[in-house]
Amino acid sequence: MTPERIKSYEKIRKVLTEAPLLLILEWNITFKLYIYSCGYGLGEALHQVKIIDDKPTEGPVCYISRKIKPTEARYGEGQMEFLCFVWALEKLHYYLYGSFFEIAIQEYRANMTIVHEAGNIHKNSDGLSMWALGNTPDSPSYVPLEAEPPIPIERINRTYISTELFEEVGESYKQYKNWHILT
């Protein structure tokens, strides 16, 4: 080991042990959510800006990451960003629900504003409206569903098809015995 390597090692050890790796969470300070996606994983970092030694310092409060699934590997860059955003909302809802937060993403085309109030939910984010948060009790956007839907959708679709069609198809299968081999 050279003296330069020893000096570098001591400097890294000092930085890692003295500075706080994660800032202590304060609910009254706005969060900043950094979203990153690539061809093999998703990652988010939740930051806050605090006054440390009389100067504003931004630091992490929480990190999360995961590998992408094989089906997600085919997504485009914009879709990956929105997947990352929706996944962050699901996983970090404890921090973000009811809090003000900014979103920092690498995709420059997104240009989105999200205001979760009665009037404006999405703006300039068509891709986001295609992704839906799950409607589960632990989801931040949970809405209890009615016990019985007012109109059974399945019955509406089937009422337009007469039973005669099904009978004709059944008779044609009896007439052409080898039909099932071709299909």
N, C-alpha and C. Protein backbone atom coordinates (compact mmCIF):
# COMPACT_ATOMS: atom_id res chain seq x y z
N MET A 1 0.86 -1.19 0.00
CA MET A 1 0.00 0.00 0.00
C MET A 1 0.90 1.24 0.00
N THR A 2 0.61 2.13 -0.91
CA THR A 2 1.36 3.38 -0.99
C THR A 2 0.76 4.38 -0.01
N PRO A 3 1.50 5.40 0.36
CA PRO A 3 0.97 6.43 1.26
C PRO A 3 -0.26 7.14 0.67
N GLU A 4 -0.31 7.28 -0.66
CA GLU A 4 -1.48 7.92 -1.29
C GLU A 4 -2.74 7.07 -1.10
N ARG A 5 -2.61 5.75 -1.25
CA ARG A 5 -3.76 4.87 -1.06
C ARG A 5 -4.22 4.88 0.40
N ILE A 6 -3.28 4.86 1.30
CA ILE A 6 -3.64 4.90 2.73
C ILE A 6 -4.35 6.21 3.05
N LYS A 7 -3.86 7.30 2.51
CA LYS A 7 -4.48 8.61 2.74
C LYS A 7 -5.89 8.64 2.14
N SER A 8 -6.06 8.09 0.94
CA SER A 8 -7.38 8.05 0.31
C SER A 8 -8.34 7.18 1.12
N TYR A 9 -7.85 6.03 1.60
CA TYR A 9 -8.69 5.15 2.41
C TYR A 9 -9.14 5.85 3.69
N GLU A 10 -8.24 6.53 4.34
CA GLU A 10 -8.59 7.25 5.58
C GLU A 10 -9.59 8.37 5.31
N LYS A 11 -9.44 9.03 4.17
CA LYS A 11 -10.37 10.10 3.81
C LYS A 11 -11.78 9.53 3.56
N ILE A 12 -11.85 8.42 2.83
CA ILE A 12 -13.15 7.78 2.58
C ILE A 12 -13.77 7.30 3.88
N ARG A 13 -12.98 6.70 4.75
CA ARG A 13 -13.50 6.21 6.03
C ARG A 13 -14.01 7.37 6.88
N LYS A 14 -13.33 8.48 6.85
CA LYS A 14 -13.74 9.65 7.62
C LYS A 14 -15.07 10.20 7.09
N VAL A 15 -15.18 10.31 5.77
CA VAL A 15 -16.40 10.85 5.16
C VAL A 15 -17.59 9.94 5.45
N LEU A 16 -17.38 8.63 5.36
CA LEU A 16 -18.48 7.69 5.57
C LEU A 16 -18.91 7.58 7.03
N THR A 17 -18.02 7.85 7.96
CA THR A 17 -18.39 7.71 9.37
C THR A 17 -18.80 9.01 10.03
N GLU A 18 -18.40 10.14 9.50
CA GLU A 18 -18.74 11.41 10.13
C GLU A 18 -20.03 12.02 9.59
N ALA A 19 -20.17 12.08 8.30
CA ALA A 19 -21.35 12.71 7.72
C ALA A 19 -22.54 11.75 7.85
N PRO A 20 -23.73 12.30 8.09
CA PRO A 20 -24.89 11.40 8.17
C PRO A 20 -25.20 10.82 6.79
N LEU A 21 -25.30 9.49 6.73
CA LEU A 21 -25.62 8.86 5.45
C LEU A 21 -27.07 9.11 5.07
N LEU A 22 -27.97 9.06 6.04
CA LEU A 22 -29.37 9.38 5.82
C LEU A 22 -29.76 10.50 6.78
N LEU A 23 -30.46 11.49 6.26
CA LEU A 23 -30.93 12.58 7.11
C LEU A 23 -32.13 12.12 7.92
N ILE A 24 -32.31 12.73 9.05
CA ILE A 24 -33.48 12.43 9.88
C ILE A 24 -34.69 13.10 9.24
N LEU A 25 -35.74 12.34 9.10
CA LEU A 25 -36.95 12.80 8.43
C LEU A 25 -37.64 13.91 9.22
N GLU A 26 -38.06 14.96 8.51
CA GLU A 26 -38.88 16.02 9.10
C GLU A 26 -40.10 16.20 8.20
N TRP A 27 -41.29 16.01 8.76
CA TRP A 27 -42.52 16.00 7.98
C TRP A 27 -42.90 17.37 7.44
N ASN A 28 -42.44 18.45 8.04
CA ASN A 28 -42.83 19.79 7.60
C ASN A 28 -41.96 20.33 6.47
N ILE A 29 -40.99 19.58 6.00
CA ILE A 29 -40.11 19.99 4.91
C ILE A 29 -40.51 19.24 3.64
N THR A 30 -40.52 19.95 2.51
CA THR A 30 -40.88 19.35 1.23
C THR A 30 -39.88 18.27 0.84
N PHE A 31 -40.40 17.17 0.31
CA PHE A 31 -39.56 16.08 -0.18
C PHE A 31 -39.19 16.33 -1.64
N LYS A 32 -38.09 15.74 -2.05
CA LYS A 32 -37.69 15.73 -3.45
C LYS A 32 -37.43 14.27 -3.82
N LEU A 33 -38.19 13.77 -4.79
CA LEU A 33 -38.11 12.37 -5.19
C LEU A 33 -37.31 12.27 -6.48
N TYR A 34 -36.13 11.64 -6.40
CA TYR A 34 -35.30 11.40 -7.58
C TYR A 34 -35.63 10.02 -8.12
N ILE A 35 -35.95 9.97 -9.41
CA ILE A 35 -36.34 8.73 -10.05
C ILE A 35 -35.31 8.39 -11.12
N TYR A 36 -34.87 7.13 -11.11
CA TYR A 36 -33.90 6.69 -12.11
C TYR A 36 -34.28 5.30 -12.59
N SER A 37 -34.28 5.13 -13.89
CA SER A 37 -34.53 3.80 -14.46
C SER A 37 -33.50 3.53 -15.55
N CYS A 38 -33.19 2.26 -15.71
CA CYS A 38 -32.26 1.87 -16.77
C CYS A 38 -32.69 0.50 -17.27
N GLY A 39 -31.90 -0.12 -18.09
CA GLY A 39 -32.26 -1.38 -18.71
C GLY A 39 -32.33 -2.56 -17.77
N TYR A 40 -31.86 -2.42 -16.55
CA TYR A 40 -31.84 -3.57 -15.64
C TYR A 40 -32.43 -3.28 -14.26
N GLY A 41 -32.82 -2.04 -13.97
CA GLY A 41 -33.37 -1.78 -12.64
C GLY A 41 -34.03 -0.42 -12.51
N LEU A 42 -34.74 -0.27 -11.39
CA LEU A 42 -35.39 0.98 -11.02
C LEU A 42 -34.79 1.44 -9.70
N GLY A 43 -34.66 2.74 -9.55
CA GLY A 43 -34.14 3.25 -8.29
C GLY A 43 -34.75 4.60 -7.97
N GLU A 44 -35.01 4.82 -6.70
CA GLU A 44 -35.54 6.09 -6.23
C GLU A 44 -34.78 6.52 -4.99
N ALA A 45 -34.64 7.81 -4.87
CA ALA A 45 -34.04 8.39 -3.67
C ALA A 45 -34.93 9.53 -3.21
N LEU A 46 -35.32 9.49 -1.96
CA LEU A 46 -36.16 10.53 -1.39
C LEU A 46 -35.26 11.47 -0.59
N HIS A 47 -35.23 12.73 -0.98
CA HIS A 47 -34.34 13.72 -0.36
C HIS A 47 -35.14 14.81 0.34
N GLN A 48 -34.45 15.52 1.24
CA GLN A 48 -34.95 16.74 1.84
C GLN A 48 -33.80 17.74 1.93
N VAL A 49 -34.15 19.02 1.90
CA VAL A 49 -33.15 20.08 2.06
C VAL A 49 -33.26 20.59 3.49
N LYS A 50 -32.14 20.51 4.22
CA LYS A 50 -32.12 20.95 5.62
C LYS A 50 -30.98 21.95 5.81
N ILE A 51 -31.09 22.70 6.87
CA ILE A 51 -30.03 23.65 7.22
C ILE A 51 -29.04 22.93 8.13
N ILE A 52 -27.82 22.71 7.62
CA ILE A 52 -26.76 22.07 8.39
C ILE A 52 -25.57 23.00 8.36
N ASP A 53 -25.07 23.37 9.53
CA ASP A 53 -23.96 24.33 9.67
C ASP A 53 -24.28 25.64 8.97
N ASP A 54 -25.49 26.15 9.17
CA ASP A 54 -25.96 27.44 8.64
C ASP A 54 -25.99 27.52 7.12
N LYS A 55 -26.05 26.41 6.44
CA LYS A 55 -26.21 26.44 4.98
C LYS A 55 -27.16 25.31 4.57
N PRO A 56 -27.99 25.57 3.53
CA PRO A 56 -28.92 24.52 3.09
C PRO A 56 -28.17 23.35 2.46
N THR A 57 -28.49 22.16 2.94
CA THR A 57 -27.85 20.95 2.45
C THR A 57 -28.92 19.93 2.09
N GLU A 58 -28.83 19.43 0.86
CA GLU A 58 -29.77 18.40 0.44
C GLU A 58 -29.17 17.03 0.71
N GLY A 59 -29.98 16.17 1.30
CA GLY A 59 -29.49 14.83 1.61
C GLY A 59 -30.59 13.80 1.52
N PRO A 60 -30.23 12.53 1.44
CA PRO A 60 -31.22 11.46 1.29
C PRO A 60 -31.90 11.12 2.61
N VAL A 61 -33.16 10.77 2.50
CA VAL A 61 -33.94 10.28 3.64
C VAL A 61 -34.17 8.78 3.49
N CYS A 62 -34.32 8.33 2.24
CA CYS A 62 -34.64 6.93 1.98
C CYS A 62 -34.21 6.56 0.56
N TYR A 63 -33.76 5.33 0.38
CA TYR A 63 -33.44 4.78 -0.93
C TYR A 63 -34.25 3.51 -1.15
N ILE A 64 -34.72 3.29 -2.37
CA ILE A 64 -35.31 2.00 -2.73
C ILE A 64 -34.88 1.66 -4.15
N SER A 65 -34.79 0.36 -4.44
CA SER A 65 -34.44 -0.07 -5.79
C SER A 65 -34.92 -1.50 -5.99
N ARG A 66 -35.03 -1.87 -7.26
CA ARG A 66 -35.39 -3.25 -7.60
C ARG A 66 -34.97 -3.53 -9.04
N LYS A 67 -34.84 -4.82 -9.34
CA LYS A 67 -34.57 -5.24 -10.72
C LYS A 67 -35.87 -5.17 -11.50
N ILE A 68 -35.75 -4.93 -12.80
CA ILE A 68 -36.96 -4.94 -13.62
C ILE A 68 -37.29 -6.37 -14.00
N LYS A 69 -38.57 -6.59 -14.26
CA LYS A 69 -39.05 -7.91 -14.66
C LYS A 69 -38.80 -8.10 -16.16
N PRO A 70 -38.76 -9.34 -16.63
CA PRO A 70 -38.50 -9.57 -18.06
C PRO A 70 -39.51 -8.86 -18.98
N THR A 71 -40.76 -8.78 -18.57
CA THR A 71 -41.75 -8.10 -19.41
C THR A 71 -41.52 -6.59 -19.42
N GLU A 72 -40.98 -6.04 -18.35
CA GLU A 72 -40.73 -4.60 -18.28
C GLU A 72 -39.50 -4.19 -19.07
N ALA A 73 -38.65 -5.14 -19.42
CA ALA A 73 -37.43 -4.83 -20.16
C ALA A 73 -37.73 -4.31 -21.56
N ARG A 74 -38.93 -4.55 -22.07
CA ARG A 74 -39.30 -4.09 -23.41
C ARG A 74 -39.85 -2.67 -23.41
N TYR A 75 -40.04 -2.06 -22.26
CA TYR A 75 -40.61 -0.72 -22.19
C TYR A 75 -39.65 0.30 -22.77
N GLY A 76 -40.21 1.38 -23.30
CA GLY A 76 -39.41 2.50 -23.75
C GLY A 76 -38.95 3.34 -22.57
N GLU A 77 -38.16 4.35 -22.86
CA GLU A 77 -37.60 5.16 -21.79
C GLU A 77 -38.67 5.91 -21.01
N GLY A 78 -39.64 6.49 -21.71
CA GLY A 78 -40.71 7.20 -21.03
C GLY A 78 -41.56 6.29 -20.17
N GLN A 79 -41.87 5.10 -20.69
CA GLN A 79 -42.66 4.14 -19.93
C GLN A 79 -41.91 3.67 -18.69
N MET A 80 -40.60 3.49 -18.82
CA MET A 80 -39.80 3.08 -17.66
C MET A 80 -39.83 4.15 -16.58
N GLU A 81 -39.78 5.43 -16.99
CA GLU A 81 -39.84 6.51 -16.02
C GLU A 81 -41.17 6.49 -15.26
N PHE A 82 -42.27 6.29 -16.00
CA PHE A 82 -43.57 6.25 -15.34
C PHE A 82 -43.73 5.01 -14.49
N LEU A 83 -43.20 3.89 -14.93
CA LEU A 83 -43.21 2.69 -14.10
C LEU A 83 -42.47 2.96 -12.80
N CYS A 84 -41.33 3.60 -12.92
CA CYS A 84 -40.52 3.93 -11.75
C CYS A 84 -41.28 4.87 -10.82
N PHE A 85 -41.98 5.84 -11.40
CA PHE A 85 -42.74 6.80 -10.60
C PHE A 85 -43.89 6.12 -9.86
N VAL A 86 -44.65 5.29 -10.57
CA VAL A 86 -45.78 4.60 -9.95
C VAL A 86 -45.29 3.65 -8.87
N TRP A 87 -44.19 2.95 -9.13
CA TRP A 87 -43.64 2.04 -8.12
C TRP A 87 -43.17 2.82 -6.89
N ALA A 88 -42.60 4.00 -7.12
CA ALA A 88 -42.18 4.84 -5.99
C ALA A 88 -43.38 5.29 -5.17
N LEU A 89 -44.48 5.65 -5.84
CA LEU A 89 -45.68 6.05 -5.11
C LEU A 89 -46.23 4.89 -4.28
N GLU A 90 -46.17 3.69 -4.82
CA GLU A 90 -46.66 2.53 -4.08
C GLU A 90 -45.78 2.24 -2.87
N LYS A 91 -44.48 2.26 -3.05
CA LYS A 91 -43.56 1.88 -1.98
C LYS A 91 -43.33 2.98 -0.95
N LEU A 92 -43.37 4.23 -1.39
CA LEU A 92 -43.08 5.35 -0.48
C LEU A 92 -44.33 6.11 -0.08
N HIS A 93 -45.49 5.49 -0.19
CA HIS A 93 -46.73 6.21 0.13
C HIS A 93 -46.76 6.66 1.59
N TYR A 94 -46.06 5.95 2.46
CA TYR A 94 -46.02 6.35 3.87
C TYR A 94 -45.39 7.74 4.01
N TYR A 95 -44.38 8.02 3.22
CA TYR A 95 -43.71 9.32 3.26
C TYR A 95 -44.45 10.37 2.44
N LEU A 96 -44.97 9.98 1.28
CA LEU A 96 -45.49 10.95 0.32
C LEU A 96 -46.96 11.29 0.51
N TYR A 97 -47.74 10.41 1.10
CA TYR A 97 -49.17 10.64 1.24
C TYR A 97 -49.41 11.84 2.16
N GLY A 98 -50.05 12.86 1.64
CA GLY A 98 -50.34 14.07 2.41
C GLY A 98 -49.18 15.03 2.51
N SER A 99 -48.06 14.74 1.87
CA SER A 99 -46.88 15.61 1.92
C SER A 99 -46.69 16.29 0.57
N PHE A 100 -46.00 17.41 0.60
CA PHE A 100 -45.61 18.08 -0.63
C PHE A 100 -44.29 17.47 -1.09
N PHE A 101 -44.21 17.18 -2.39
CA PHE A 101 -42.96 16.65 -2.91
C PHE A 101 -42.77 17.05 -4.36
N GLU A 102 -41.51 17.17 -4.74
CA GLU A 102 -41.12 17.46 -6.12
C GLU A 102 -40.58 16.17 -6.72
N ILE A 103 -40.69 16.07 -8.04
CA ILE A 103 -40.19 14.89 -8.73
C ILE A 103 -39.05 15.32 -9.65
N ALA A 104 -37.92 14.68 -9.51
CA ALA A 104 -36.78 14.94 -10.39
C ALA A 104 -36.53 13.67 -11.19
N ILE A 105 -36.65 13.77 -12.51
CA ILE A 105 -36.48 12.60 -13.37
C ILE A 105 -35.45 12.91 -14.44
N GLN A 106 -34.95 11.87 -15.09
CA GLN A 106 -33.94 12.05 -16.13
C GLN A 106 -34.57 12.30 -17.49
N GLU A 107 -35.84 11.98 -17.65
CA GLU A 107 -36.53 12.13 -18.93
C GLU A 107 -36.93 13.59 -19.11
N TYR A 108 -36.31 14.31 -20.02
CA TYR A 108 -36.57 15.74 -20.17
C TYR A 108 -37.91 16.02 -20.82
N ARG A 109 -38.50 15.05 -21.53
CA ARG A 109 -39.76 15.28 -22.24
C ARG A 109 -40.97 15.21 -21.33
N ALA A 110 -40.84 14.75 -20.11
CA ALA A 110 -42.01 14.50 -19.26
C ALA A 110 -42.77 15.79 -18.97
N ASN A 111 -42.11 16.83 -18.50
CA ASN A 111 -42.73 18.13 -18.27
C ASN A 111 -44.10 17.99 -17.61
N MET A 112 -44.15 17.36 -16.45
CA MET A 112 -45.44 17.07 -15.85
C MET A 112 -45.66 17.82 -14.56
N THR A 113 -46.90 18.08 -14.30
CA THR A 113 -47.32 18.65 -13.03
C THR A 113 -48.41 17.75 -12.49
N ILE A 114 -48.26 17.29 -11.27
CA ILE A 114 -49.26 16.40 -10.69
C ILE A 114 -49.79 17.06 -9.43
N VAL A 115 -51.04 17.38 -9.42
CA VAL A 115 -51.69 17.99 -8.27
C VAL A 115 -52.83 17.06 -7.89
N HIS A 116 -52.74 16.46 -6.73
CA HIS A 116 -53.76 15.49 -6.33
C HIS A 116 -54.85 16.21 -5.54
N GLU A 117 -55.68 16.92 -6.27
CA GLU A 117 -56.83 17.61 -5.70
C GLU A 117 -58.03 17.31 -6.56
N ALA A 118 -59.16 17.88 -6.22
CA ALA A 118 -60.39 17.55 -6.93
C ALA A 118 -60.31 17.92 -8.41
N GLY A 119 -59.68 19.03 -8.75
CA GLY A 119 -59.70 19.49 -10.13
C GLY A 119 -58.65 18.87 -11.02
N ASN A 120 -57.40 19.15 -10.80
CA ASN A 120 -56.34 18.80 -11.73
C ASN A 120 -55.50 17.67 -11.16
N ILE A 121 -55.51 16.53 -11.82
CA ILE A 121 -54.70 15.41 -11.36
C ILE A 121 -53.45 15.26 -12.22
N HIS A 122 -53.59 15.25 -13.53
CA HIS A 122 -52.43 15.14 -14.42
C HIS A 122 -52.41 16.32 -15.39
N LYS A 123 -51.24 16.70 -15.80
CA LYS A 123 -51.09 17.69 -16.86
C LYS A 123 -49.82 17.34 -17.63
N ASN A 124 -49.93 17.26 -18.95
CA ASN A 124 -48.80 16.92 -19.82
C ASN A 124 -48.15 15.59 -19.44
N SER A 125 -48.95 14.64 -19.07
CA SER A 125 -48.38 13.34 -18.70
C SER A 125 -49.30 12.22 -19.17
N ASP A 126 -49.46 12.11 -20.47
CA ASP A 126 -50.35 11.09 -21.01
C ASP A 126 -49.93 9.69 -20.60
N GLY A 127 -48.64 9.45 -20.54
CA GLY A 127 -48.19 8.13 -20.15
C GLY A 127 -48.58 7.78 -18.73
N LEU A 128 -48.64 8.78 -17.85
CA LEU A 128 -48.99 8.50 -16.46
C LEU A 128 -50.42 8.06 -16.33
N SER A 129 -51.31 8.60 -17.14
CA SER A 129 -52.71 8.23 -17.03
C SER A 129 -52.95 6.79 -17.47
N MET A 130 -51.99 6.19 -18.19
CA MET A 130 -52.13 4.79 -18.58
C MET A 130 -51.76 3.86 -17.43
N TRP A 131 -50.97 4.33 -16.48
CA TRP A 131 -50.58 3.52 -15.34
C TRP A 131 -51.53 3.83 -14.21
N ALA A 132 -52.04 2.84 -13.57
CA ALA A 132 -52.99 3.05 -12.47
C ALA A 132 -52.42 2.44 -11.20
N LEU A 133 -52.55 3.17 -10.12
CA LEU A 133 -52.18 2.60 -8.83
C LEU A 133 -53.22 1.56 -8.45
N GLY A 134 -52.80 0.52 -7.81
CA GLY A 134 -53.73 -0.52 -7.39
C GLY A 134 -54.73 0.01 -6.37
N ASN A 135 -55.96 -0.41 -6.47
CA ASN A 135 -56.99 0.04 -5.54
C ASN A 135 -57.06 -0.93 -4.36
N THR A 136 -56.03 -0.91 -3.53
CA THR A 136 -55.98 -1.73 -2.34
C THR A 136 -56.03 -0.82 -1.12
N PRO A 137 -56.45 -1.34 0.04
CA PRO A 137 -56.57 -0.47 1.22
C PRO A 137 -55.28 0.23 1.62
N ASP A 138 -54.12 -0.33 1.30
CA ASP A 138 -52.87 0.34 1.66
C ASP A 138 -52.36 1.29 0.58
N SER A 139 -53.09 1.42 -0.52
CA SER A 139 -52.72 2.33 -1.60
C SER A 139 -53.11 3.76 -1.24
N PRO A 140 -52.30 4.77 -1.60
CA PRO A 140 -52.65 6.15 -1.27
C PRO A 140 -53.88 6.66 -2.00
N SER A 141 -54.25 6.02 -3.10
CA SER A 141 -55.42 6.48 -3.86
C SER A 141 -56.62 5.54 -3.67
N TYR A 142 -56.69 4.85 -2.54
CA TYR A 142 -57.72 3.84 -2.31
C TYR A 142 -59.11 4.46 -2.27
N VAL A 143 -60.03 3.87 -3.03
CA VAL A 143 -61.43 4.26 -3.03
C VAL A 143 -62.23 2.99 -2.81
N PRO A 144 -62.99 2.89 -1.71
CA PRO A 144 -63.76 1.66 -1.49
C PRO A 144 -64.78 1.47 -2.60
N LEU A 145 -64.85 0.26 -3.12
CA LEU A 145 -65.78 -0.06 -4.19
C LEU A 145 -67.13 -0.46 -3.61
N GLU A 146 -68.16 -0.29 -4.43
CA GLU A 146 -69.49 -0.71 -4.01
C GLU A 146 -69.53 -2.23 -3.95
N ALA A 147 -70.38 -2.77 -3.06
CA ALA A 147 -70.47 -4.22 -2.92
C ALA A 147 -70.96 -4.86 -4.21
N GLU A 148 -71.97 -4.31 -4.82
CA GLU A 148 -72.52 -4.83 -6.08
C GLU A 148 -72.47 -3.71 -7.11
N PRO A 149 -71.77 -3.89 -8.23
CA PRO A 149 -71.76 -2.84 -9.24
C PRO A 149 -73.17 -2.58 -9.76
N PRO A 150 -73.51 -1.34 -10.07
CA PRO A 150 -74.87 -1.02 -10.47
C PRO A 150 -75.30 -1.72 -11.76
N ILE A 151 -74.41 -1.86 -12.74
CA ILE A 151 -74.75 -2.51 -14.00
C ILE A 151 -73.72 -3.61 -14.24
N PRO A 152 -74.16 -4.84 -14.32
CA PRO A 152 -73.19 -5.91 -14.61
C PRO A 152 -72.68 -5.80 -16.05
N ILE A 153 -71.45 -5.42 -16.22
CA ILE A 153 -70.88 -5.14 -17.54
C ILE A 153 -70.85 -6.41 -18.39
N GLU A 154 -70.59 -7.54 -17.78
CA GLU A 154 -70.50 -8.78 -18.54
C GLU A 154 -71.82 -9.10 -19.23
N ARG A 155 -72.92 -8.87 -18.57
CA ARG A 155 -74.23 -9.16 -19.16
C ARG A 155 -74.53 -8.25 -20.35
N ILE A 156 -74.09 -7.02 -20.29
CA ILE A 156 -74.34 -6.08 -21.39
C ILE A 156 -73.68 -6.59 -22.67
N ASN A 157 -72.44 -7.05 -22.57
CA ASN A 157 -71.73 -7.53 -23.75
C ASN A 157 -72.37 -8.78 -24.34
N ARG A 158 -72.93 -9.62 -23.52
CA ARG A 158 -73.49 -10.88 -24.02
C ARG A 158 -74.91 -10.74 -24.55
N THR A 159 -75.60 -9.67 -24.20
CA THR A 159 -76.98 -9.54 -24.66
C THR A 159 -77.06 -9.26 -26.15
N TYR A 160 -76.02 -8.71 -26.76
CA TYR A 160 -76.04 -8.39 -28.18
C TYR A 160 -75.80 -9.62 -29.06
N ILE A 161 -75.32 -10.70 -28.50
CA ILE A 161 -75.07 -11.91 -29.27
C ILE A 161 -76.25 -12.86 -29.02
N SER A 162 -76.91 -13.24 -30.09
CA SER A 162 -78.08 -14.12 -29.93
C SER A 162 -77.62 -15.55 -29.68
N THR A 163 -78.49 -16.31 -29.10
CA THR A 163 -78.18 -17.72 -28.85
C THR A 163 -78.17 -18.53 -30.13
N GLU A 164 -78.80 -18.01 -31.18
CA GLU A 164 -78.81 -18.71 -32.47
C GLU A 164 -77.39 -18.88 -33.01
N LEU A 165 -76.56 -17.87 -32.83
CA LEU A 165 -75.18 -17.95 -33.30
C LEU A 165 -74.45 -19.11 -32.63
N PHE A 166 -74.61 -19.23 -31.31
CA PHE A 166 -73.94 -20.31 -30.59
C PHE A 166 -74.45 -21.68 -31.04
N GLU A 167 -75.76 -21.77 -31.32
CA GLU A 167 -76.32 -23.03 -31.80
C GLU A 167 -75.78 -23.39 -33.18
N GLU A 168 -75.65 -22.39 -34.07
CA GLU A 168 -75.10 -22.64 -35.41
C GLU A 168 -73.65 -23.10 -35.34
N VAL A 169 -72.88 -22.48 -34.47
CA VAL A 169 -71.47 -22.89 -34.32
C VAL A 169 -71.40 -24.31 -33.80
N GLY A 170 -72.25 -24.63 -32.83
CA GLY A 170 -72.27 -25.99 -32.29
C GLY A 170 -72.63 -27.02 -33.34
N GLU A 171 -73.61 -26.71 -34.19
CA GLU A 171 -74.01 -27.62 -35.27
C GLU A 171 -72.90 -27.79 -36.29
N SER A 172 -72.16 -26.71 -36.58
CA SER A 172 -71.08 -26.82 -37.56
C SER A 172 -69.96 -27.72 -37.04
N TYR A 173 -69.72 -27.74 -35.73
CA TYR A 173 -68.72 -28.65 -35.18
C TYR A 173 -69.15 -30.10 -35.33
N LYS A 174 -70.45 -30.35 -35.21
CA LYS A 174 -70.95 -31.72 -35.38
C LYS A 174 -70.85 -32.14 -36.85
N GLN A 175 -71.09 -31.21 -37.76
CA GLN A 175 -71.08 -31.52 -39.18
C GLN A 175 -69.67 -31.82 -39.68
N TYR A 176 -68.68 -31.00 -39.28
CA TYR A 176 -67.30 -31.18 -39.71
C TYR A 176 -66.52 -31.79 -38.55
N LYS A 177 -66.40 -33.10 -38.57
CA LYS A 177 -65.82 -33.82 -37.43
C LYS A 177 -64.34 -33.50 -37.23
N ASN A 178 -63.59 -33.22 -38.29
CA ASN A 178 -62.15 -32.96 -38.17
C ASN A 178 -61.84 -31.47 -38.01
N TRP A 179 -62.82 -30.66 -37.79
CA TRP A 179 -62.62 -29.22 -37.67
C TRP A 179 -61.71 -28.88 -36.49
N HIS A 180 -61.88 -29.58 -35.39
CA HIS A 180 -61.07 -29.28 -34.20
C HIS A 180 -59.59 -29.60 -34.42
N ILE A 181 -59.27 -30.48 -35.38
CA ILE A 181 -57.87 -30.79 -35.67
C ILE A 181 -57.20 -29.62 -36.38
N LEU A 182 -57.96 -28.91 -37.22
CA LEU A 182 -57.39 -27.78 -37.97
C LEU A 182 -57.17 -26.56 -37.09
N THR A 183 -57.93 -26.40 -36.05
CA THR A 183 -57.80 -25.20 -35.22
C THR A 183 -56.86 -25.39 -34.08
